[in-house]
Every structure is written in structure tokens, then in C-alpha cells.
Amino acid sequence: MRNLVIKASVLSILLLTLQTAYAQFKPAEAIKYCAVQAEKTLAAAPADTLNNLPRSINHDKTSWHYVNYNDWCSGFWPGILWNLYEATHDEKWKIAADKYTRELAPLAVHSGFDHDLGFMVFNSFGNGYRLTKDPAYKAVILKSADSLATLFNPKVGTILSWPSQVKKMGWPHNTIIDNMINLELLFWASKNGGGQRLYDIAVKHAETTMQNHFRPDYSAYHVVVYDTVTGKKIKGVTHQGYADNSMWARGQSWAIYGFTMCYRETKKPDFLDFAQKVADVYLRRLPADHIPYWDFDDPAIPNAPRDASAAAVTASALLELSGFVTDKVKAEYYRKQAIEMLAVLSSPQYQGGNVNSAFLLHSTGHHPAGSEIDASIIYADYYYLEALLRLKNLKY
């Protein structure tokens, strides 16, 4: 009985804290905070242009680990700078964004080496072109879309995610749920000179993923392996989650974001319906503070690491999804859930503040590999700022 009383008391305190954070949350102030933190990162950036793109800060460190343009996270920092330019109209962010974006130009001539071209190119050059209409940016986007399309296997109906894992892991044609985000590059290119073929590849990939990548409760496998000859699904497995049958938090957030984006680009009702299904299972299983553990099925819960990056991705996706859902009650539910996630992420518990120059603390990168656990990670910051901008445009 005493334990039940203690648990109830802790829950009451938590809920009161969340209500306070929600009531005090102002996206404009959170965006200003991001600008202050980004100033710190800019000031500390190394002059070396080969490794000057911030990726992560381990929980026991205070400075960024830097990578070069080949890293899958390379596009997030220039994307953050473009979003700050959009938010503030301050030319200093535009100048910095252009500098870091152009460092990624060699990606346009890489031949189908990885599915992550969408993350790398569209967050950098895509945001840059959206805000400046620089034709040099457009050329890189279109070339990169053509490169990504070379990984599409028409027999399977999806893009090969990891060519390097074909022999290493014995995964003939592997597709990861993360790949849903990269379809935005193809959709954009198809409408801006790339042609119908890119649109068709993106739609087919999304439809095949919808059919094969999910369990009956709409939780996602991380990886689905296909037979390259027959095109049939062999198995669903994990690479970064707790187990093959567990719900890896960031993987589910990619699904929510990806299918919402697919509906935006195609207006196909099946994608809108599916985006809600994959969002609903995520929301049903969230802990009371709205920030997921890195995997919803880790038996170490409640002592398992959290993943602020999954919360940031989901918050951004839910804000967009709420604008598409015609049921006003459900639309408001998604919007409120997103705002509550952002309010918690904007609290002292999750903000970098005086700890480091990142926006957020407590993300989890690759838990099974022991990499970037309870860390600040650049993609968490990117989607956090994107979500703040989406909310500001919706409400303020």
C-alpha cells in the first residue's frame, strides 16, 4: 500500500510539473533559445572544413563530435542554420547556412551509395533552395534524387537502404523504416524537373513499406529483408532497437513523420489513414511525461534511457498531421500531444542550457552498439527547431 501511495504521489507531482511547463511554454522564446545555443556552436566550430559538422555530444562531454559531409547526419547542421534564418531573417544565419551547405555539394556526384541522401541533401540544399531559390542548390537536389533512385529495386518495390549490409549481414535487399524520410527528396525532385519516375518510386516504396513493415498493432520493424529475385519479404528484424519484435522509438517516429509527408505530397487517403494508425500506437504507449524510452519494450524501463530525438521528430510530425485530419477532435488531440512534447523538451530537464551548446539533452543514437546513449544529437535539435517553427506558424 505504501508503495502505491508513493507512486501516486510521484505521478501527481509529475503531472503538475507537466501542466506548469505546458502553461508557460512559448515557442517564440524556445526559438530564441535555439539561436543562442547555435551561436555557441558556430563560435566553437573548427576551421577544418573536412570535419566541421557537429553530430553529437556525449553525456560526459561538453563539446561536439564533428563529422564530414559523408556522414549521414551532415545535413542537419546546415538545415538548422537555414531554419534559424527563416525564423529570424538575420543574414548571419543565411551566410553560415550557405557555407556549410556548399560543403555537401560532392554528395551530388556520389552514385547511389546510401539511402541517407535525403537526410543529407534535402535538409541542407532543400531548405536552402526553399528560402533562396539559388539554382545551384536545385541542381544538387536533382542530381542527388537521381542517385537515390538508382537504389530502387522494382521487383521488391522499395529502395535499398544499406548496400554495405547485403554481404555483411546477409540481407539481400534491406529496407529500413528511416528510409521513409528520404522519399521527400524524390517527391520534390519529381515536381521540379526530375519527372514522374521519381514520384512513382516514392509512392511505390511507401506502399510496399505500408504492406510489409508493420506488425498487426502498427508498430514498425526497423529493417525488412526482401528476396531480390522474387521480391517477397523474408523477415522483419532490428538493427538499432531492443529486439526484432520491439517498438524502437525513433523508428516509429520516422514512420509517423514519413507517412504524414507522403500524404502531403500525394493526397492519397491511405497514407493519411496509416499515419494516424502508426501515431496512435506510439501515443498509447508513451510514458506520462511524453518523452519515450529509446525502445518501448526495453525490460529495463523505467531505468532505460530516454530518446528526446524521437519526441522531437514525433512532435513535428503530429503538428503537420493535425492540419490534415478532418476530425476536429482528433486533430486537436494530435496538436495538444505535440505541444506537450515540446513543452517538456523546452524544460530545464531536457535543454542543453549551461551543460553544452546543443538544444537538447537525453537522446539515444545506437543503443545496441553502445553509441550516443543519453547524448545530445544534432538530428534531435533539427526536428525540435522544425517543430517549434511549425507550431509558431500554426498558433502565433
Protein backbone atom coordinates (compact mmCIF):
# COMPACT_ATOMS: atom_id res chain seq x y z
CA MET A 1 0.00 0.00 0.00
CA ARG A 2 2.84 2.38 0.93
CA ASN A 3 4.45 1.84 -2.50
CA LEU A 4 1.18 2.62 -4.21
CA VAL A 5 0.86 5.86 -2.25
CA ILE A 6 4.43 6.84 -3.18
CA LYS A 7 3.82 6.08 -6.87
CA ALA A 8 0.60 8.06 -6.86
CA SER A 9 2.36 10.99 -5.21
CA VAL A 10 5.19 10.92 -7.74
CA LEU A 11 2.69 10.79 -10.61
CA SER A 12 0.77 13.75 -9.17
CA ILE A 13 3.97 15.80 -8.94
CA LEU A 14 4.90 14.83 -12.50
CA LEU A 15 1.51 15.80 -13.88
CA LEU A 16 1.62 19.14 -12.02
CA THR A 17 5.09 19.79 -13.44
CA LEU A 18 3.87 18.99 -16.96
CA GLN A 19 0.86 21.27 -16.58
CA THR A 20 3.13 24.10 -15.45
CA ALA A 21 5.54 23.54 -18.33
CA TYR A 22 2.64 23.45 -20.80
CA ALA A 23 1.11 26.65 -19.43
CA GLN A 24 4.44 28.51 -19.54
CA PHE A 25 5.58 27.20 -22.92
CA LYS A 26 6.10 29.81 -25.63
CA PRO A 27 7.53 28.64 -28.98
CA ALA A 28 8.95 32.07 -29.80
CA GLU A 29 11.03 32.00 -26.63
CA ALA A 30 12.18 28.46 -27.36
CA ILE A 31 13.30 29.56 -30.85
CA LYS A 32 15.31 32.40 -29.30
CA TYR A 33 16.94 29.85 -27.02
CA CYS A 34 17.90 27.76 -30.06
CA ALA A 35 19.50 30.80 -31.66
CA VAL A 36 21.58 31.45 -28.53
CA GLN A 37 22.74 27.83 -28.44
CA ALA A 38 23.54 27.81 -32.15
CA GLU A 39 25.65 30.96 -31.68
CA LYS A 40 27.78 28.97 -29.21
CA THR A 41 28.19 26.12 -31.68
CA LEU A 42 29.15 28.50 -34.50
CA ALA A 43 31.71 30.24 -32.32
CA ALA A 44 33.38 26.94 -31.39
CA ALA A 45 33.34 25.40 -34.89
CA PRO A 46 36.73 24.19 -36.14
CA ALA A 47 38.28 25.82 -39.18
CA ASP A 48 38.90 22.38 -40.71
CA THR A 49 36.31 22.03 -43.47
CA LEU A 50 36.85 18.28 -43.66
CA ASN A 51 35.39 17.61 -40.21
CA ASN A 52 33.42 20.61 -39.02
CA LEU A 53 29.80 19.44 -39.00
CA PRO A 54 28.50 18.87 -35.45
CA ARG A 55 26.94 15.47 -34.83
CA SER A 56 26.71 14.67 -31.10
CA ILE A 57 27.90 15.46 -27.60
CA ASN A 58 28.28 12.50 -25.26
CA HIS A 59 26.71 12.85 -21.83
CA ASP A 60 30.17 13.06 -20.21
CA LYS A 61 31.47 15.67 -22.68
CA THR A 62 30.80 19.35 -23.30
CA SER A 63 31.95 19.76 -26.89
CA TRP A 64 30.65 18.47 -30.20
CA HIS A 65 31.96 15.46 -32.06
CA TYR A 66 32.41 16.66 -35.65
CA VAL A 67 31.99 14.74 -38.92
CA ASN A 68 32.42 15.43 -42.63
CA TYR A 69 29.92 15.57 -45.48
CA ASN A 70 29.89 11.77 -45.90
CA ASP A 71 28.25 11.21 -42.51
CA TRP A 72 24.50 10.58 -42.61
CA CYS A 73 23.99 13.42 -40.12
CA SER A 74 25.85 16.00 -42.24
CA GLY A 75 22.74 17.82 -43.47
CA PHE A 76 21.19 18.58 -40.10
CA TRP A 77 23.51 21.42 -39.03
CA PRO A 78 23.10 23.43 -42.24
CA GLY A 79 19.37 22.67 -42.02
CA ILE A 80 19.26 24.15 -38.52
CA LEU A 81 21.01 27.27 -39.76
CA TRP A 82 18.52 27.66 -42.62
CA ASN A 83 15.64 27.28 -40.20
CA LEU A 84 17.13 29.94 -37.93
CA TYR A 85 17.42 32.23 -40.95
CA GLU A 86 13.75 31.61 -41.70
CA ALA A 87 12.82 32.29 -38.06
CA THR A 88 14.86 35.46 -37.58
CA HIS A 89 15.59 36.86 -41.08
CA ASP A 90 19.08 37.57 -39.79
CA GLU A 91 21.62 37.43 -42.63
CA LYS A 92 24.30 35.91 -40.41
CA TRP A 93 22.36 32.63 -40.36
CA LYS A 94 21.97 32.70 -44.14
CA ILE A 95 25.71 33.23 -44.63
CA ALA A 96 26.60 30.40 -42.24
CA ALA A 97 23.96 28.10 -43.72
CA ASP A 98 25.25 28.66 -47.24
CA LYS A 99 28.84 27.96 -46.15
CA TYR A 100 28.03 24.62 -44.53
CA THR A 101 25.54 23.63 -47.23
CA ARG A 102 28.09 24.03 -50.02
CA GLU A 103 30.44 21.66 -48.20
CA LEU A 104 27.95 18.89 -49.02
CA ALA A 105 28.00 19.53 -52.79
CA PRO A 106 30.13 16.41 -53.55
CA LEU A 107 27.16 14.26 -52.49
CA ALA A 108 25.50 15.06 -55.82
CA VAL A 109 28.07 13.03 -57.73
CA HIS A 110 28.10 10.02 -55.42
CA SER A 111 26.41 7.13 -57.16
CA GLY A 112 23.69 5.54 -55.03
CA PHE A 113 25.87 4.77 -52.05
CA ASP A 114 23.24 5.10 -49.33
CA HIS A 115 19.59 5.89 -48.75
CA ASP A 116 20.54 8.76 -46.42
CA LEU A 117 20.92 11.18 -49.31
CA GLY A 118 17.50 12.53 -48.37
CA PHE A 119 18.58 13.42 -44.86
CA MET A 120 21.88 14.83 -46.08
CA VAL A 121 20.79 16.81 -49.12
CA PHE A 122 17.18 17.81 -48.58
CA ASN A 123 17.68 19.22 -45.09
CA SER A 124 20.60 21.32 -46.34
CA PHE A 125 20.14 22.17 -50.02
CA GLY A 126 16.38 21.64 -49.84
CA ASN A 127 15.87 24.20 -47.09
CA GLY A 128 18.38 26.47 -48.78
CA TYR A 129 16.55 26.38 -52.11
CA ARG A 130 13.19 26.85 -50.40
CA LEU A 131 14.43 30.09 -48.84
CA THR A 132 16.74 31.49 -51.56
CA LYS A 133 15.80 29.84 -54.89
CA ASP A 134 19.53 29.52 -55.66
CA PRO A 135 19.72 27.46 -58.89
CA ALA A 136 22.98 25.84 -57.76
CA TYR A 137 21.11 24.30 -54.83
CA LYS A 138 18.41 22.98 -57.14
CA ALA A 139 20.97 21.28 -59.36
CA VAL A 140 22.42 19.39 -56.39
CA ILE A 141 18.98 18.28 -55.22
CA LEU A 142 18.02 16.94 -58.64
CA LYS A 143 21.30 15.06 -59.11
CA SER A 144 21.02 13.57 -55.63
CA ALA A 145 17.44 12.43 -56.29
CA ASP A 146 18.61 10.61 -59.42
CA SER A 147 21.36 8.98 -57.38
CA LEU A 148 18.94 7.86 -54.67
CA ALA A 149 16.62 6.42 -57.32
CA THR A 150 19.35 4.02 -58.51
CA LEU A 151 18.85 2.09 -55.26
CA PHE A 152 15.23 1.29 -56.13
CA ASN A 153 14.52 -2.36 -56.86
CA PRO A 154 11.31 -2.59 -58.97
CA LYS A 155 10.94 -6.29 -58.21
CA VAL A 156 10.78 -5.58 -54.47
CA GLY A 157 9.17 -2.16 -54.68
CA THR A 158 11.49 -0.37 -52.25
CA ILE A 159 14.79 1.48 -52.14
CA LEU A 160 17.78 -0.48 -50.86
CA SER A 161 18.82 1.20 -47.62
CA TRP A 162 22.24 -0.23 -46.82
CA PRO A 163 24.24 -1.63 -49.74
CA SER A 164 27.04 -2.32 -47.26
CA GLN A 165 24.84 -4.75 -45.32
CA VAL A 166 24.00 -7.01 -48.27
CA LYS A 167 27.05 -9.19 -47.75
CA LYS A 168 27.98 -8.19 -44.21
CA MET A 169 24.63 -9.17 -42.65
CA GLY A 170 23.32 -11.45 -45.39
CA TRP A 171 20.45 -9.05 -46.11
CA PRO A 172 19.97 -9.29 -49.91
CA HIS A 173 17.65 -6.29 -50.20
CA ASN A 174 17.22 -4.42 -46.92
CA THR A 175 14.89 -1.50 -46.29
CA ILE A 176 14.80 0.41 -43.02
CA ILE A 177 11.92 2.46 -41.68
CA ASP A 178 14.17 5.55 -41.65
CA ASN A 179 14.03 5.47 -45.45
CA MET A 180 10.51 6.92 -45.35
CA ILE A 181 12.02 10.34 -44.61
CA ASN A 182 14.22 10.24 -47.71
CA LEU A 183 11.20 9.99 -50.00
CA GLU A 184 10.65 13.72 -49.63
CA LEU A 185 13.73 14.30 -51.80
CA LEU A 186 12.17 12.22 -54.58
CA PHE A 187 8.76 13.87 -54.30
CA TRP A 188 10.28 17.33 -54.51
CA ALA A 189 12.55 16.45 -57.41
CA SER A 190 9.68 14.89 -59.36
CA LYS A 191 7.80 18.20 -59.22
CA ASN A 192 10.80 20.37 -60.02
CA GLY A 193 12.23 18.86 -63.18
CA GLY A 194 13.03 15.28 -62.16
CA GLY A 195 9.98 13.71 -63.77
CA GLN A 196 7.18 11.28 -62.98
CA ARG A 197 9.50 8.29 -62.44
CA LEU A 198 10.80 9.73 -59.14
CA TYR A 199 7.25 10.29 -57.90
CA ASP A 200 6.29 6.74 -58.81
CA ILE A 201 9.32 5.29 -56.99
CA ALA A 202 8.48 7.25 -53.84
CA VAL A 203 4.83 6.16 -53.87
CA LYS A 204 5.70 2.52 -54.53
CA HIS A 205 8.28 2.50 -51.73
CA ALA A 206 5.72 3.93 -49.29
CA GLU A 207 3.02 1.47 -50.35
CA THR A 208 5.35 -1.54 -50.09
CA THR A 209 6.56 -0.35 -46.69
CA MET A 210 2.97 0.08 -45.53
CA GLN A 211 2.23 -3.53 -46.51
CA ASN A 212 5.33 -5.24 -45.11
CA HIS A 213 6.99 -3.14 -42.44
CA PHE A 214 4.39 -3.25 -39.67
CA ARG A 215 3.00 -5.68 -37.14
CA PRO A 216 -0.75 -6.09 -36.53
CA ASP A 217 -0.68 -3.31 -33.89
CA TYR A 218 1.00 -0.93 -36.42
CA SER A 219 4.35 -0.86 -34.65
CA ALA A 220 7.25 -0.86 -37.09
CA TYR A 221 10.09 -3.25 -37.69
CA HIS A 222 13.37 -1.43 -38.04
CA VAL A 223 14.55 -3.49 -41.03
CA VAL A 224 12.67 -5.62 -43.52
CA VAL A 225 14.72 -8.02 -45.64
CA TYR A 226 13.47 -8.96 -49.12
CA ASP A 227 14.44 -11.58 -51.68
CA THR A 228 15.92 -9.71 -54.63
CA VAL A 229 14.71 -12.33 -57.14
CA THR A 230 11.13 -12.91 -56.05
CA GLY A 231 10.64 -9.54 -54.36
CA LYS A 232 8.98 -11.24 -51.40
CA LYS A 233 9.51 -10.31 -47.76
CA ILE A 234 11.91 -12.67 -45.96
CA LYS A 235 11.76 -11.28 -42.42
CA GLY A 236 11.48 -8.24 -40.19
CA VAL A 237 14.45 -7.60 -37.88
CA THR A 238 16.10 -4.85 -35.88
CA HIS A 239 19.50 -3.23 -36.01
CA GLN A 240 19.11 -0.39 -33.54
CA GLY A 241 16.12 -1.48 -31.47
CA TYR A 242 15.96 -3.76 -28.45
CA ALA A 243 14.66 -6.83 -30.30
CA ASP A 244 13.23 -7.86 -33.64
CA ASN A 245 9.69 -7.63 -32.26
CA SER A 246 10.11 -4.49 -30.13
CA MET A 247 8.97 -0.95 -30.94
CA TRP A 248 12.10 1.15 -31.38
CA ALA A 249 11.02 4.69 -30.54
CA ARG A 250 12.82 6.63 -33.23
CA GLY A 251 11.84 4.09 -35.86
CA GLN A 252 8.18 4.62 -35.02
CA SER A 253 8.68 8.37 -35.16
CA TRP A 254 10.17 8.05 -38.67
CA ALA A 255 7.01 6.17 -39.68
CA ILE A 256 4.71 8.87 -38.29
CA TYR A 257 6.67 11.62 -40.00
CA GLY A 258 7.15 9.71 -43.25
CA PHE A 259 3.55 8.73 -43.90
CA THR A 260 2.32 12.20 -42.94
CA MET A 261 4.74 13.67 -45.50
CA CYS A 262 3.60 11.11 -48.11
CA TYR A 263 0.02 12.23 -47.66
CA ARG A 264 1.07 15.87 -48.04
CA GLU A 265 2.82 15.06 -51.32
CA THR A 266 0.23 12.71 -52.82
CA LYS A 267 -3.09 13.38 -51.04
CA LYS A 268 -3.67 9.61 -51.08
CA PRO A 269 -6.17 8.81 -48.27
CA ASP A 270 -4.42 5.51 -47.44
CA PHE A 271 -1.32 7.39 -46.33
CA LEU A 272 -3.31 9.73 -44.09
CA ASP A 273 -5.13 6.82 -42.50
CA PHE A 274 -1.89 4.93 -41.97
CA ALA A 275 -0.10 7.93 -40.49
CA GLN A 276 -2.80 8.06 -37.82
CA LYS A 277 -2.54 4.34 -37.10
CA VAL A 278 1.23 4.46 -36.56
CA ALA A 279 0.88 7.64 -34.50
CA ASP A 280 -1.86 6.19 -32.29
CA VAL A 281 0.12 3.15 -31.17
CA TYR A 282 3.06 5.42 -30.30
CA LEU A 283 0.86 7.80 -28.30
CA ARG A 284 -0.95 5.00 -26.46
CA ARG A 285 2.32 3.63 -25.16
CA LEU A 286 4.02 6.89 -24.19
CA PRO A 287 5.06 7.41 -20.56
CA ALA A 288 3.26 10.15 -18.67
CA ASP A 289 5.87 12.82 -19.43
CA HIS A 290 5.50 12.37 -23.23
CA ILE A 291 9.17 11.52 -23.84
CA PRO A 292 9.67 7.88 -24.93
CA TYR A 293 12.23 5.45 -23.68
CA TRP A 294 14.64 4.59 -26.50
CA ASP A 295 12.65 1.38 -27.10
CA PHE A 296 9.13 0.90 -25.79
CA ASP A 297 9.87 -2.74 -24.93
CA ASP A 298 13.20 -2.45 -23.14
CA PRO A 299 12.77 -4.55 -19.96
CA ALA A 300 14.98 -2.06 -18.10
CA ILE A 301 12.15 0.50 -18.15
CA PRO A 302 11.82 2.74 -16.09
CA ASN A 303 15.61 2.76 -15.83
CA ALA A 304 16.18 2.70 -19.59
CA PRO A 305 17.50 5.77 -21.46
CA ARG A 306 15.04 8.21 -22.99
CA ASP A 307 15.13 9.44 -26.58
CA ALA A 308 14.46 13.15 -26.96
CA SER A 309 15.14 12.83 -30.70
CA ALA A 310 12.13 10.55 -31.15
CA ALA A 311 9.99 13.04 -29.24
CA ALA A 312 11.18 15.91 -31.44
CA VAL A 313 10.53 14.03 -34.69
CA THR A 314 7.09 12.96 -33.50
CA ALA A 315 6.13 16.43 -32.29
CA SER A 316 6.98 17.91 -35.68
CA ALA A 317 5.07 15.16 -37.49
CA LEU A 318 1.98 15.47 -35.28
CA LEU A 319 1.75 19.20 -35.86
CA GLU A 320 1.65 18.61 -39.61
CA LEU A 321 -0.68 15.63 -39.25
CA SER A 322 -3.11 17.70 -37.17
CA GLY A 323 -3.56 20.00 -40.14
CA PHE A 324 -4.62 17.15 -42.41
CA VAL A 325 -7.02 15.28 -40.13
CA THR A 326 -10.61 16.34 -40.77
CA ASP A 327 -11.91 15.10 -37.42
CA LYS A 328 -11.52 18.26 -35.33
CA VAL A 329 -11.38 16.38 -32.04
CA LYS A 330 -8.60 14.10 -33.24
CA ALA A 331 -6.75 16.97 -34.90
CA GLU A 332 -6.78 18.89 -31.63
CA TYR A 333 -5.62 15.77 -29.78
CA TYR A 334 -2.57 15.44 -32.05
CA ARG A 335 -1.82 19.13 -31.72
CA LYS A 336 -2.07 19.05 -27.94
CA GLN A 337 0.15 15.98 -27.72
CA ALA A 338 2.77 17.70 -29.86
CA ILE A 339 2.69 20.86 -27.76
CA GLU A 340 3.05 18.85 -24.57
CA MET A 341 6.08 17.06 -26.03
CA LEU A 342 7.65 20.39 -26.98
CA ALA A 343 6.86 21.88 -23.58
CA VAL A 344 8.73 19.06 -21.85
CA LEU A 345 11.63 19.27 -24.30
CA SER A 346 11.75 23.00 -23.54
CA SER A 347 12.02 22.43 -19.79
CA PRO A 348 15.35 22.57 -17.89
CA GLN A 349 15.43 18.77 -17.71
CA TYR A 350 15.91 18.44 -21.47
CA GLN A 351 17.57 21.68 -22.55
CA GLY A 352 21.31 21.94 -23.11
CA GLY A 353 21.49 25.37 -21.49
CA ASN A 354 24.65 25.64 -19.44
CA VAL A 355 25.57 21.97 -19.95
CA ASN A 356 26.62 22.28 -23.60
CA SER A 357 25.76 24.18 -26.78
CA ALA A 358 23.19 21.70 -28.12
CA PHE A 359 19.49 22.46 -27.96
CA LEU A 360 18.53 19.19 -26.26
CA LEU A 361 19.89 16.57 -23.88
CA HIS A 362 18.95 12.91 -23.44
CA SER A 363 18.76 11.40 -26.92
CA THR A 364 19.74 7.85 -27.82
CA GLY A 365 21.54 7.04 -31.05
CA HIS A 366 22.51 3.37 -31.44
CA HIS A 367 21.83 1.69 -28.11
CA PRO A 368 22.82 -1.89 -29.05
CA ALA A 369 26.21 -0.60 -30.24
CA GLY A 370 26.67 1.49 -27.10
CA SER A 371 26.86 4.63 -29.23
CA GLU A 372 25.43 8.07 -28.40
CA ILE A 373 23.44 6.98 -25.36
CA ASP A 374 21.93 9.78 -23.25
CA ALA A 375 23.62 12.23 -25.60
CA SER A 376 22.89 15.47 -27.39
CA ILE A 377 22.43 14.60 -31.06
CA ILE A 378 22.14 17.01 -33.98
CA TYR A 379 19.00 15.48 -35.52
CA ALA A 380 17.14 15.92 -32.23
CA ASP A 381 17.98 19.62 -32.42
CA TYR A 382 16.94 19.83 -36.08
CA TYR A 383 13.47 18.37 -35.58
CA TYR A 384 12.96 20.26 -32.33
CA LEU A 385 13.52 23.58 -34.11
CA GLU A 386 11.43 22.47 -37.09
CA ALA A 387 8.58 21.59 -34.73
CA LEU A 388 8.86 24.95 -32.97
CA LEU A 389 8.62 26.75 -36.30
CA ARG A 390 5.62 24.67 -37.34
CA LEU A 391 3.88 25.46 -34.06
CA LYS A 392 4.72 29.15 -34.26
CA ASN A 393 3.25 29.27 -37.76
CA LEU A 394 0.13 27.47 -36.55
CA LYS A 395 -0.62 29.42 -33.39
CA TYR A 396 1.31 32.62 -33.10
